[in-house]
């Protein structure tokens, strides 16, 4: 039932069962996404260190521009879940229309920038001339066709808010399996296809996401979802859109703060050479393999909070968060132990250069030391977002990333000359701070009274 998604209303019955029914498809969805990220970097790493560096630098920028899409996804999930909890499916459909319309508009703006300034973007990130010349096409393709990536995650956020996490899961399974098949074919030139290197990885990603978006739209327009759309429903409702924008601004702020911090950290890392960038990039991809499933549980908490607040059951919403956080912490402790003992072997699966393995393993071990804190921090943050209180996590992110993490990283890595370890310590301790501030603020309970 968790996989087929037969249960979509989680405002009654066992909370543990509700967490299970929501978490399993969300975890599998995120697992597939992280599995693709690992497969992608595995194939790209065979091309060379420069190719890995290109992917790492491009992703740093992509996460910043996608902050808008992710923020819209938070607003859409919160508003759709609240409408579903209120038994207002027509209202949920209006939210979906406004979210999709805004997502397309933003994607066009981003796409134009990526099409014409890919080389400048890589140069700004600290890439040397060799990396720019060999990898700018990857950056250009990913940014130019960002609409399919943005819509994939945005529409899946609508499905999650409606309690249809299984639809989102199967769409990502389809998309990522296609990506994984295309990756080696286009990168290495199997069959009738020419060898395209890292550019082939970009084409594979865009192709897989495009097919998934077509499937999403078919589900929405042919009535196979709780959210049913038609062309005549695509009328801009500025009242609903403005409410969505207001809620999304907090989500956008969260990710602009977080991802701009990541960009600055990557810029500091780039000072220490291509091998360090490659090791760090591979480590981040490996970590996504475990952080994505953890995000799956966190997203389950967001849906539970939204639907239960809509049904006027705030105590049930709060209890759902604490139970989800406990499950997430147990999972993350197990993962952190695996990284502690097997970090070099994991990095060595992707690249065997000694310097890359050394810095990749170092990144895994230091960052994973804070995993148990990540577990609660992610769940509580998503609980705020699910309630429509996106402002609170924005403030927490600002304090933790800009006020604390970035100055500490620069101080330790550059001024005190600790090297990459300084950046890694800053990352881990900032996430610990997020968990502490998030739990303290969550206990105040103001999120229970947000108007969505």
Protein backbone atom coordinates (compact mmCIF):
# COMPACT_ATOMS: atom_id res chain seq x y z
CA UNK A 1 0.00 0.00 0.00
CA UNK A 2 2.93 2.33 0.68
CA UNK A 3 4.14 1.77 -2.88
CA UNK A 4 0.73 1.95 -4.57
CA UNK A 5 -0.30 5.03 -2.60
CA UNK A 6 -3.89 3.93 -1.85
CA UNK A 7 -4.04 6.00 1.34
CA UNK A 8 -3.81 9.77 0.79
CA UNK A 9 -5.45 11.26 3.91
CA UNK A 10 -3.17 11.06 6.95
CA UNK A 11 -5.22 13.01 9.48
CA UNK A 12 -6.61 9.93 11.26
CA UNK A 13 -5.36 6.53 12.38
CA UNK A 14 -1.91 5.43 13.51
CA UNK A 15 0.81 8.09 13.20
CA UNK A 16 3.51 5.43 12.84
CA UNK A 17 1.55 3.84 10.01
CA UNK A 18 1.10 7.25 8.36
CA UNK A 19 4.85 7.89 8.59
CA UNK A 20 5.51 4.49 7.05
CA UNK A 21 3.00 4.95 4.21
CA UNK A 22 4.42 8.37 3.33
CA UNK A 23 8.10 7.72 4.04
CA UNK A 24 8.58 4.51 2.06
CA UNK A 25 7.74 5.98 -1.37
CA UNK A 26 9.53 9.23 -0.49
CA UNK A 27 12.63 7.34 0.66
CA UNK A 28 12.58 5.20 -2.48
CA UNK A 29 12.09 8.34 -4.56
CA UNK A 30 15.09 10.03 -2.96
CA UNK A 31 17.07 6.79 -3.10
CA UNK A 32 16.56 6.66 -6.86
CA UNK A 33 17.62 10.29 -7.17
CA UNK A 34 20.78 9.72 -5.16
CA UNK A 35 21.45 6.44 -7.01
CA UNK A 36 21.41 8.39 -10.26
CA UNK A 37 23.73 11.02 -8.76
CA UNK A 38 26.18 8.25 -7.85
CA UNK A 39 25.91 6.53 -11.23
CA UNK A 40 26.34 9.85 -13.01
CA UNK A 41 29.53 10.77 -11.14
CA UNK A 42 30.80 7.19 -11.55
CA UNK A 43 30.58 7.46 -15.34
CA UNK A 44 31.83 11.06 -15.42
CA UNK A 45 34.83 10.18 -13.22
CA UNK A 46 35.99 7.79 -15.95
CA UNK A 47 36.34 10.78 -18.29
CA UNK A 48 38.79 12.52 -15.97
CA UNK A 49 39.30 14.80 -12.99
CA UNK A 50 38.45 17.89 -15.07
CA UNK A 51 35.05 16.41 -15.93
CA UNK A 52 34.29 15.75 -12.25
CA UNK A 53 35.35 19.29 -11.38
CA UNK A 54 33.02 20.63 -14.11
CA UNK A 55 30.05 18.73 -12.64
CA UNK A 56 30.87 19.88 -9.12
CA UNK A 57 31.25 23.55 -10.06
CA UNK A 58 28.13 23.51 -12.25
CA UNK A 59 26.02 21.88 -9.56
CA UNK A 60 27.05 24.55 -7.10
CA UNK A 61 25.54 27.19 -9.40
CA UNK A 62 22.55 25.04 -10.38
CA UNK A 63 21.54 24.62 -6.75
CA UNK A 64 21.47 28.38 -6.38
CA UNK A 65 19.22 29.05 -9.36
CA UNK A 66 17.02 26.10 -8.44
CA UNK A 67 16.50 27.66 -5.04
CA UNK A 68 13.54 29.43 -6.62
CA UNK A 69 12.05 26.14 -7.79
CA UNK A 70 12.67 24.46 -4.45
CA UNK A 71 11.09 27.40 -2.65
CA UNK A 72 8.03 27.15 -4.89
CA UNK A 73 7.92 23.43 -4.14
CA UNK A 74 7.82 24.13 -0.41
CA UNK A 75 4.99 26.60 -0.84
CA UNK A 76 3.09 24.25 -3.14
CA UNK A 77 3.43 21.27 -0.78
CA UNK A 78 2.32 23.33 2.22
CA UNK A 79 -0.71 24.85 0.48
CA UNK A 80 -1.80 21.66 -1.30
CA UNK A 81 -1.49 19.62 1.92
CA UNK A 82 -3.48 22.24 3.85
CA UNK A 83 -6.26 22.26 1.23
CA UNK A 84 -6.35 18.44 1.20
CA UNK A 85 -6.63 18.44 5.01
CA UNK A 86 -9.55 20.86 4.66
CA UNK A 87 -11.16 18.57 2.00
CA UNK A 88 -10.88 21.40 -0.55
CA UNK A 89 -9.59 19.63 -3.69
CA UNK A 90 -10.57 22.47 -6.01
CA UNK A 91 -8.42 24.81 -3.93
CA UNK A 92 -5.54 22.35 -4.21
CA UNK A 93 -5.92 22.38 -8.00
CA UNK A 94 -5.72 26.19 -8.07
CA UNK A 95 -2.47 26.05 -6.11
CA UNK A 96 -1.03 23.52 -8.57
CA UNK A 97 -1.83 25.76 -11.56
CA UNK A 98 -0.19 28.82 -10.01
CA UNK A 99 2.90 26.84 -8.97
CA UNK A 100 3.43 25.35 -12.43
CA UNK A 101 2.95 28.74 -14.11
CA UNK A 102 5.51 30.43 -11.85
CA UNK A 103 7.96 27.58 -12.33
CA UNK A 104 7.87 27.90 -16.11
CA UNK A 105 8.38 31.67 -15.98
CA UNK A 106 11.42 31.38 -13.69
CA UNK A 107 12.91 28.59 -15.82
CA UNK A 108 12.81 30.74 -18.96
CA UNK A 109 14.79 33.49 -17.23
CA UNK A 110 17.39 31.04 -15.88
CA UNK A 111 17.65 29.25 -19.23
CA UNK A 112 18.53 32.43 -21.10
CA UNK A 113 21.32 33.20 -18.64
CA UNK A 114 22.75 29.70 -18.89
CA UNK A 115 22.61 29.62 -22.68
CA UNK A 116 24.76 32.72 -23.12
CA UNK A 117 27.05 32.84 -20.07
CA UNK A 118 28.13 29.24 -19.31
CA UNK A 119 31.88 29.97 -19.68
CA UNK A 120 31.63 33.05 -17.49
CA UNK A 121 29.77 31.07 -14.83
CA UNK A 122 32.50 28.41 -14.64
CA UNK A 123 35.21 31.10 -14.56
CA UNK A 124 33.40 32.87 -11.73
CA UNK A 125 33.45 29.60 -9.79
CA UNK A 126 37.24 29.36 -10.06
CA UNK A 127 37.55 26.84 -12.90
CA UNK A 128 40.82 26.99 -14.83
CA UNK A 129 40.92 27.42 -18.61
CA UNK A 130 41.20 23.69 -19.27
CA UNK A 131 38.11 22.87 -17.20
CA UNK A 132 36.15 25.71 -18.86
CA UNK A 133 37.02 24.65 -22.40
CA UNK A 134 36.27 20.98 -21.80
CA UNK A 135 33.14 21.39 -19.70
CA UNK A 136 31.25 24.56 -20.59
CA UNK A 137 28.82 22.64 -22.82
CA UNK A 138 27.71 20.62 -19.79
CA UNK A 139 26.95 23.82 -17.89
CA UNK A 140 25.22 25.34 -20.92
CA UNK A 141 22.90 22.36 -21.50
CA UNK A 142 21.96 21.86 -17.84
CA UNK A 143 21.08 25.52 -17.33
CA UNK A 144 19.41 26.08 -20.71
CA UNK A 145 17.00 23.17 -20.21
CA UNK A 146 16.48 23.69 -16.49
CA UNK A 147 12.69 23.87 -17.02
CA UNK A 148 12.37 20.07 -17.17
CA UNK A 149 14.37 19.57 -13.98
CA UNK A 150 12.46 22.31 -12.16
CA UNK A 151 9.02 21.07 -13.27
CA UNK A 152 9.88 17.49 -12.32
CA UNK A 153 10.54 18.40 -8.70
CA UNK A 154 7.82 21.07 -8.54
CA UNK A 155 5.01 18.82 -9.78
CA UNK A 156 6.26 15.98 -7.59
CA UNK A 157 5.99 18.39 -4.63
CA UNK A 158 2.33 18.90 -5.58
CA UNK A 159 1.78 15.14 -5.60
CA UNK A 160 3.40 14.84 -2.16
CA UNK A 161 1.22 17.56 -0.71
CA UNK A 162 -1.81 15.63 -1.96
CA UNK A 163 -0.52 12.53 -0.16
CA UNK A 164 0.39 10.85 -3.45
CA UNK A 165 4.04 10.24 -2.73
CA UNK A 166 3.94 6.96 -4.66
CA UNK A 167 3.28 8.84 -7.95
CA UNK A 168 6.32 11.04 -7.36
CA UNK A 169 8.37 7.94 -6.56
CA UNK A 170 7.48 6.03 -9.72
CA UNK A 171 8.12 9.06 -11.90
CA UNK A 172 11.63 9.45 -10.50
CA UNK A 173 12.25 5.71 -10.84
CA UNK A 174 11.32 5.99 -14.52
CA UNK A 175 13.37 9.15 -15.07
CA UNK A 176 16.51 7.97 -13.30
CA UNK A 177 16.54 4.49 -14.83
CA UNK A 178 16.42 6.14 -18.26
CA UNK A 179 19.22 8.51 -17.20
CA UNK A 180 21.42 5.67 -16.00
CA UNK A 181 20.93 3.79 -19.28
CA UNK A 182 21.69 6.86 -21.39
CA UNK A 183 24.70 8.03 -19.36
CA UNK A 184 27.32 5.49 -20.53
CA UNK A 185 25.88 5.40 -24.06
CA UNK A 186 26.26 9.15 -24.57
CA UNK A 187 29.39 9.68 -22.46
CA UNK A 188 31.45 6.89 -24.04
CA UNK A 189 29.73 6.66 -27.45
CA UNK A 190 28.26 3.16 -27.51
CA UNK A 191 26.36 1.94 -30.58
CA UNK A 192 25.48 4.59 -33.16
CA UNK A 193 26.09 7.46 -30.73
CA UNK A 194 29.29 9.55 -30.81
CA UNK A 195 31.50 9.85 -27.71
CA UNK A 196 30.47 13.12 -26.03
CA UNK A 197 32.20 12.93 -22.65
CA UNK A 198 30.76 15.11 -19.89
CA UNK A 199 28.42 16.78 -22.42
CA UNK A 200 26.73 13.39 -22.87
CA UNK A 201 25.97 13.32 -19.12
CA UNK A 202 24.09 16.62 -19.47
CA UNK A 203 22.06 15.38 -22.45
CA UNK A 204 21.18 12.17 -20.58
CA UNK A 205 19.96 14.15 -17.57
CA UNK A 206 17.82 16.52 -19.63
CA UNK A 207 16.37 13.64 -21.70
CA UNK A 208 15.40 11.55 -18.69
CA UNK A 209 13.81 14.50 -16.89
CA UNK A 210 11.90 15.53 -20.03
CA UNK A 211 10.20 12.15 -20.35
CA UNK A 212 9.26 12.22 -16.66
CA UNK A 213 7.70 15.70 -16.99
CA UNK A 214 5.62 14.50 -19.96
CA UNK A 215 4.39 11.63 -17.76
CA UNK A 216 3.61 14.06 -14.91
CA UNK A 217 1.50 16.24 -17.17
CA UNK A 218 -0.33 13.20 -18.54
CA UNK A 219 -1.22 12.13 -14.98
CA UNK A 220 -2.51 15.60 -14.10
CA UNK A 221 -4.48 16.18 -17.31
CA UNK A 222 -5.95 12.69 -17.74
CA UNK A 223 -7.30 12.60 -14.19
CA UNK A 224 -5.09 9.84 -12.75
CA UNK A 225 -4.27 11.94 -9.69
CA UNK A 226 -6.22 13.52 -6.87
CA UNK A 227 -5.12 16.83 -8.44
CA UNK A 228 -6.96 17.02 -11.79
CA UNK A 229 -6.05 19.78 -14.25
CA UNK A 230 -7.27 20.89 -17.66
CA UNK A 231 -6.29 23.66 -20.07
CA UNK A 232 -9.29 25.76 -19.04
CA UNK A 233 -8.10 25.68 -15.41
CA UNK A 234 -4.87 27.44 -16.34
CA UNK A 235 -6.17 30.86 -15.35
CA UNK A 236 -3.94 33.03 -13.20
CA UNK A 237 -5.49 33.60 -9.77
CA UNK A 238 -3.43 36.45 -8.35
CA UNK A 239 -4.79 36.03 -4.82
CA UNK A 240 -3.71 32.40 -4.66
CA UNK A 241 -0.49 33.17 -6.55
CA UNK A 242 0.45 35.96 -4.15
CA UNK A 243 -0.11 33.70 -1.14
CA UNK A 244 2.03 31.04 -2.82
CA UNK A 245 4.74 33.60 -3.53
CA UNK A 246 4.72 34.87 0.07
CA UNK A 247 5.11 31.35 1.46
CA UNK A 248 7.66 30.44 -1.21
CA UNK A 249 9.81 33.50 -0.51
CA UNK A 250 10.83 31.94 2.78
CA UNK A 251 11.69 28.68 1.03
CA UNK A 252 13.60 30.56 -1.66
CA UNK A 253 15.43 32.47 1.05
CA UNK A 254 16.37 29.24 2.82
CA UNK A 255 17.94 27.73 -0.24
CA UNK A 256 19.55 30.92 -1.53
CA UNK A 257 21.22 31.25 1.87
CA UNK A 258 22.18 27.58 1.98
CA UNK A 259 23.28 27.19 -1.62
CA UNK A 260 25.10 30.51 -1.85
CA UNK A 261 26.98 29.34 1.22
CA UNK A 262 27.77 26.11 -0.63
CA UNK A 263 29.05 28.12 -3.60
CA UNK A 264 31.37 30.16 -1.38
CA UNK A 265 32.60 26.96 0.28
CA UNK A 266 33.27 25.45 -3.15
CA UNK A 267 35.13 28.63 -4.10
CA UNK A 268 37.32 28.26 -0.99
CA UNK A 269 37.84 24.56 -1.75
CA UNK A 270 38.92 25.43 -5.32
CA UNK A 271 41.92 27.32 -3.92
CA UNK A 272 43.47 23.97 -2.94
CA UNK A 273 43.44 22.44 -6.45
CA UNK A 274 41.46 20.24 -8.85
CA UNK A 275 42.12 17.01 -6.87
CA UNK A 276 40.57 18.52 -3.74
CA UNK A 277 37.54 19.73 -5.75
CA UNK A 278 37.13 16.24 -7.26
CA UNK A 279 37.43 14.48 -3.90
CA UNK A 280 34.96 16.85 -2.28
CA UNK A 281 32.51 16.52 -5.22
CA UNK A 282 32.60 12.71 -5.12
CA UNK A 283 32.12 12.76 -1.33
CA UNK A 284 29.06 15.01 -1.69
CA UNK A 285 27.57 12.63 -4.28
CA UNK A 286 28.17 9.66 -1.98
CA UNK A 287 26.58 11.56 0.91
CA UNK A 288 23.53 12.34 -1.22
CA UNK A 289 23.01 8.59 -1.37
CA UNK A 290 22.15 8.69 2.33
CA UNK A 291 20.96 12.27 2.76
CA UNK A 292 18.30 11.87 0.07
CA UNK A 293 16.53 8.99 1.84
CA UNK A 294 16.76 11.06 5.02
CA UNK A 295 15.13 13.92 3.13
CA UNK A 296 12.41 11.45 2.17
CA UNK A 297 11.49 10.98 5.82
CA UNK A 298 11.70 14.74 6.34
CA UNK A 299 9.31 15.36 3.44
CA UNK A 300 6.90 12.88 5.02
CA UNK A 301 6.89 15.05 8.14
CA UNK A 302 6.05 18.12 6.00
CA UNK A 303 2.99 16.42 4.47
CA UNK A 304 1.81 15.13 7.85
CA UNK A 305 2.12 18.57 9.43
CA UNK A 306 0.29 20.29 6.55
CA UNK A 307 -2.61 17.86 6.38
CA UNK A 308 -3.10 17.65 10.15
CA UNK A 309 -3.03 21.42 10.60
CA UNK A 310 -5.64 21.63 7.83
CA UNK A 311 -7.74 19.12 9.78
CA UNK A 312 -7.22 21.25 12.95
CA UNK A 313 -5.12 18.59 14.71
CA UNK A 314 -1.92 20.46 15.76
CA UNK A 315 -1.00 17.99 18.53
CA UNK A 316 -1.05 15.11 16.06
CA UNK A 317 1.11 17.19 13.70
CA UNK A 318 3.70 17.80 16.44
CA UNK A 319 3.79 14.17 17.53
CA UNK A 320 4.38 13.13 13.91
CA UNK A 321 7.50 15.30 13.78
CA UNK A 322 9.12 13.85 16.91
CA UNK A 323 8.47 10.25 15.84
CA UNK A 324 9.83 10.91 12.34
CA UNK A 325 12.91 12.62 13.81
CA UNK A 326 13.66 9.60 16.00
CA UNK A 327 13.46 7.19 13.05
CA UNK A 328 15.65 9.48 10.98
CA UNK A 329 18.29 9.72 13.71
CA UNK A 330 18.57 5.94 14.01
CA UNK A 331 19.07 5.65 10.27
CA UNK A 332 21.70 8.40 10.14
CA UNK A 333 23.74 6.96 13.01
CA UNK A 334 24.08 3.68 11.12
CA UNK A 335 25.20 5.54 7.99
CA UNK A 336 27.75 7.66 9.85
CA UNK A 337 29.39 4.52 11.24
CA UNK A 338 29.65 3.08 7.73
CA UNK A 339 31.39 6.24 6.52
CA UNK A 340 33.73 6.25 9.49
CA UNK A 341 35.05 2.76 8.73
CA UNK A 342 34.79 2.54 4.92
CA UNK A 343 35.30 6.09 3.58
CA UNK A 344 38.46 5.40 1.48
CA UNK A 345 36.92 2.30 -0.07
CA UNK A 346 33.76 4.21 -1.02
CA UNK A 347 35.66 7.08 -2.66
CA UNK A 348 37.97 4.57 -4.35
CA UNK A 349 35.01 3.14 -6.25
CA UNK A 350 34.85 6.39 -8.21
CA UNK A 351 38.46 7.51 -8.47
CA UNK A 352 41.72 5.83 -7.48
CA UNK A 353 44.04 8.84 -7.51
CA UNK A 354 45.55 8.98 -4.02
CA UNK A 355 44.94 12.71 -3.50
CA UNK A 356 41.31 12.45 -4.61
CA UNK A 357 40.69 9.44 -2.34
CA UNK A 358 42.37 11.18 0.61
CA UNK A 359 40.33 14.37 0.41
CA UNK A 360 37.13 12.55 -0.47
CA UNK A 361 37.45 10.23 2.53
CA UNK A 362 38.31 13.16 4.79
CA UNK A 363 35.17 14.97 3.62
CA UNK A 364 32.97 11.93 4.29
CA UNK A 365 34.29 11.31 7.79
CA UNK A 366 34.24 14.89 9.05
CA UNK A 367 30.82 15.81 7.67
CA UNK A 368 29.23 12.49 8.73
CA UNK A 369 30.28 13.19 12.33
CA UNK A 370 27.25 15.47 12.56
CA UNK A 371 24.75 13.13 10.92
CA UNK A 372 22.65 12.51 14.03
CA UNK A 373 22.13 16.27 14.28
CA UNK A 374 21.35 16.49 10.55
CA UNK A 375 18.56 13.96 11.13
CA UNK A 376 16.60 16.15 13.55
CA UNK A 377 17.56 19.38 11.80
CA UNK A 378 16.12 18.22 8.48
CA UNK A 379 12.88 16.90 9.96
CA UNK A 380 12.19 20.01 12.04
CA UNK A 381 13.02 22.33 9.13
CA UNK A 382 10.62 20.47 6.83
CA UNK A 383 7.98 20.52 9.57
CA UNK A 384 8.13 24.33 9.61
CA UNK A 385 7.88 24.38 5.82
CA UNK A 386 4.95 21.95 5.84
CA UNK A 387 3.14 24.28 8.22
CA UNK A 388 3.74 27.18 5.83
CA UNK A 389 6.18 28.82 8.26
CA UNK A 390 9.07 29.21 5.84
CA UNK A 391 10.33 32.37 7.57
CA UNK A 392 11.67 30.60 10.66
CA UNK A 393 13.99 28.18 8.81
CA UNK A 394 15.21 31.13 6.72
CA UNK A 395 16.35 32.97 9.84
CA UNK A 396 17.94 29.80 11.21
CA UNK A 397 19.80 29.22 7.92
CA UNK A 398 20.99 32.82 7.82
CA UNK A 399 22.48 32.61 11.31
CA UNK A 400 23.97 29.14 10.81
CA UNK A 401 25.38 29.56 7.29
CA UNK A 402 26.19 33.23 6.71
CA UNK A 403 26.84 34.45 10.24
CA UNK A 404 28.61 31.29 11.46
CA UNK A 405 29.69 28.84 8.72
CA UNK A 406 31.25 31.09 6.08
CA UNK A 407 33.37 33.23 8.44
CA UNK A 408 34.55 30.09 10.25
CA UNK A 409 35.45 28.33 6.98
CA UNK A 410 37.46 31.30 5.71
CA UNK A 411 39.15 31.82 9.06
CA UNK A 412 40.22 28.20 9.52
CA UNK A 413 40.95 27.22 5.90
CA UNK A 414 42.62 30.41 4.63
CA UNK A 415 43.73 32.67 7.48
CA UNK A 416 44.78 29.92 9.91
CA UNK A 417 45.96 27.79 6.96
CA UNK A 418 44.20 24.59 8.06
CA UNK A 419 43.35 23.81 4.45
CA UNK A 420 40.24 21.82 3.38
CA UNK A 421 39.71 20.46 6.92
CA UNK A 422 38.73 23.97 7.99
CA UNK A 423 35.88 24.04 5.48
CA UNK A 424 34.69 20.58 6.52
CA UNK A 425 34.63 21.49 10.22
CA UNK A 426 32.60 24.59 9.39
CA UNK A 427 30.07 22.48 7.44
CA UNK A 428 29.59 19.95 10.25
CA UNK A 429 29.29 22.41 13.12
CA UNK A 430 26.89 24.64 11.16
CA UNK A 431 24.51 21.72 10.71
CA UNK A 432 24.71 21.00 14.43
CA UNK A 433 23.76 24.61 15.08
CA UNK A 434 20.78 24.33 12.71
CA UNK A 435 19.47 21.33 14.65
CA UNK A 436 19.82 23.07 18.02
CA UNK A 437 18.14 26.29 16.88
CA UNK A 438 15.43 24.40 14.97
CA UNK A 439 14.41 22.22 17.91
CA UNK A 440 14.39 25.20 20.29
CA UNK A 441 12.18 27.24 17.95
CA UNK A 442 9.91 24.30 17.12
CA UNK A 443 9.10 23.77 20.80
CA UNK A 444 7.70 27.31 20.98
CA UNK A 445 4.77 26.11 18.83
CA UNK A 446 4.13 29.30 16.82
CA UNK A 447 4.16 27.23 13.60
CA UNK A 448 0.79 25.76 14.63
CA UNK A 449 -0.96 29.06 13.95
CA UNK A 450 0.36 30.05 10.50
CA UNK A 451 -2.30 31.07 7.95
CA UNK A 452 -1.83 29.21 4.65
